[in-house]
């Protein structure tokens, strides 16, 4: 089982940047594809970005393409989400989650059984 801890969130002005981190425990972390999701107040959790186990393939929600970059460092058991050109609508709690396989089919939050505590991103206008 993989245990995940997200960090790196904060309060930033619109146009700013943040780098979110997701650090995992467990020897099998490197074999998992990883996804980032977010949940704004009063809204459902939604997919943001995903990366394959090798790091060679990535997938983004249309709303974040060109502004968000997902990456991973297997040596550190970590996955990152670089967020640039932040907008107020990016305000949400951000979560990472592992998946046994990478797919370009929709990453549905309902398919994931366990979540970390998340990290809060708040963007002021």
Foldseek 3Di string as FASTA:
>chain_A
DKAKDKDWADEEAAQAKIKIKIAIDDPCLLQWKKFKWWDDPPGDIATAKIAFSVRPDMDGDPVQPPFWDWGADVVRRMIMIIGGRDDQVVWTFMWMATDNGDDNPGDDPVVGDDIHPTYTHGYHD
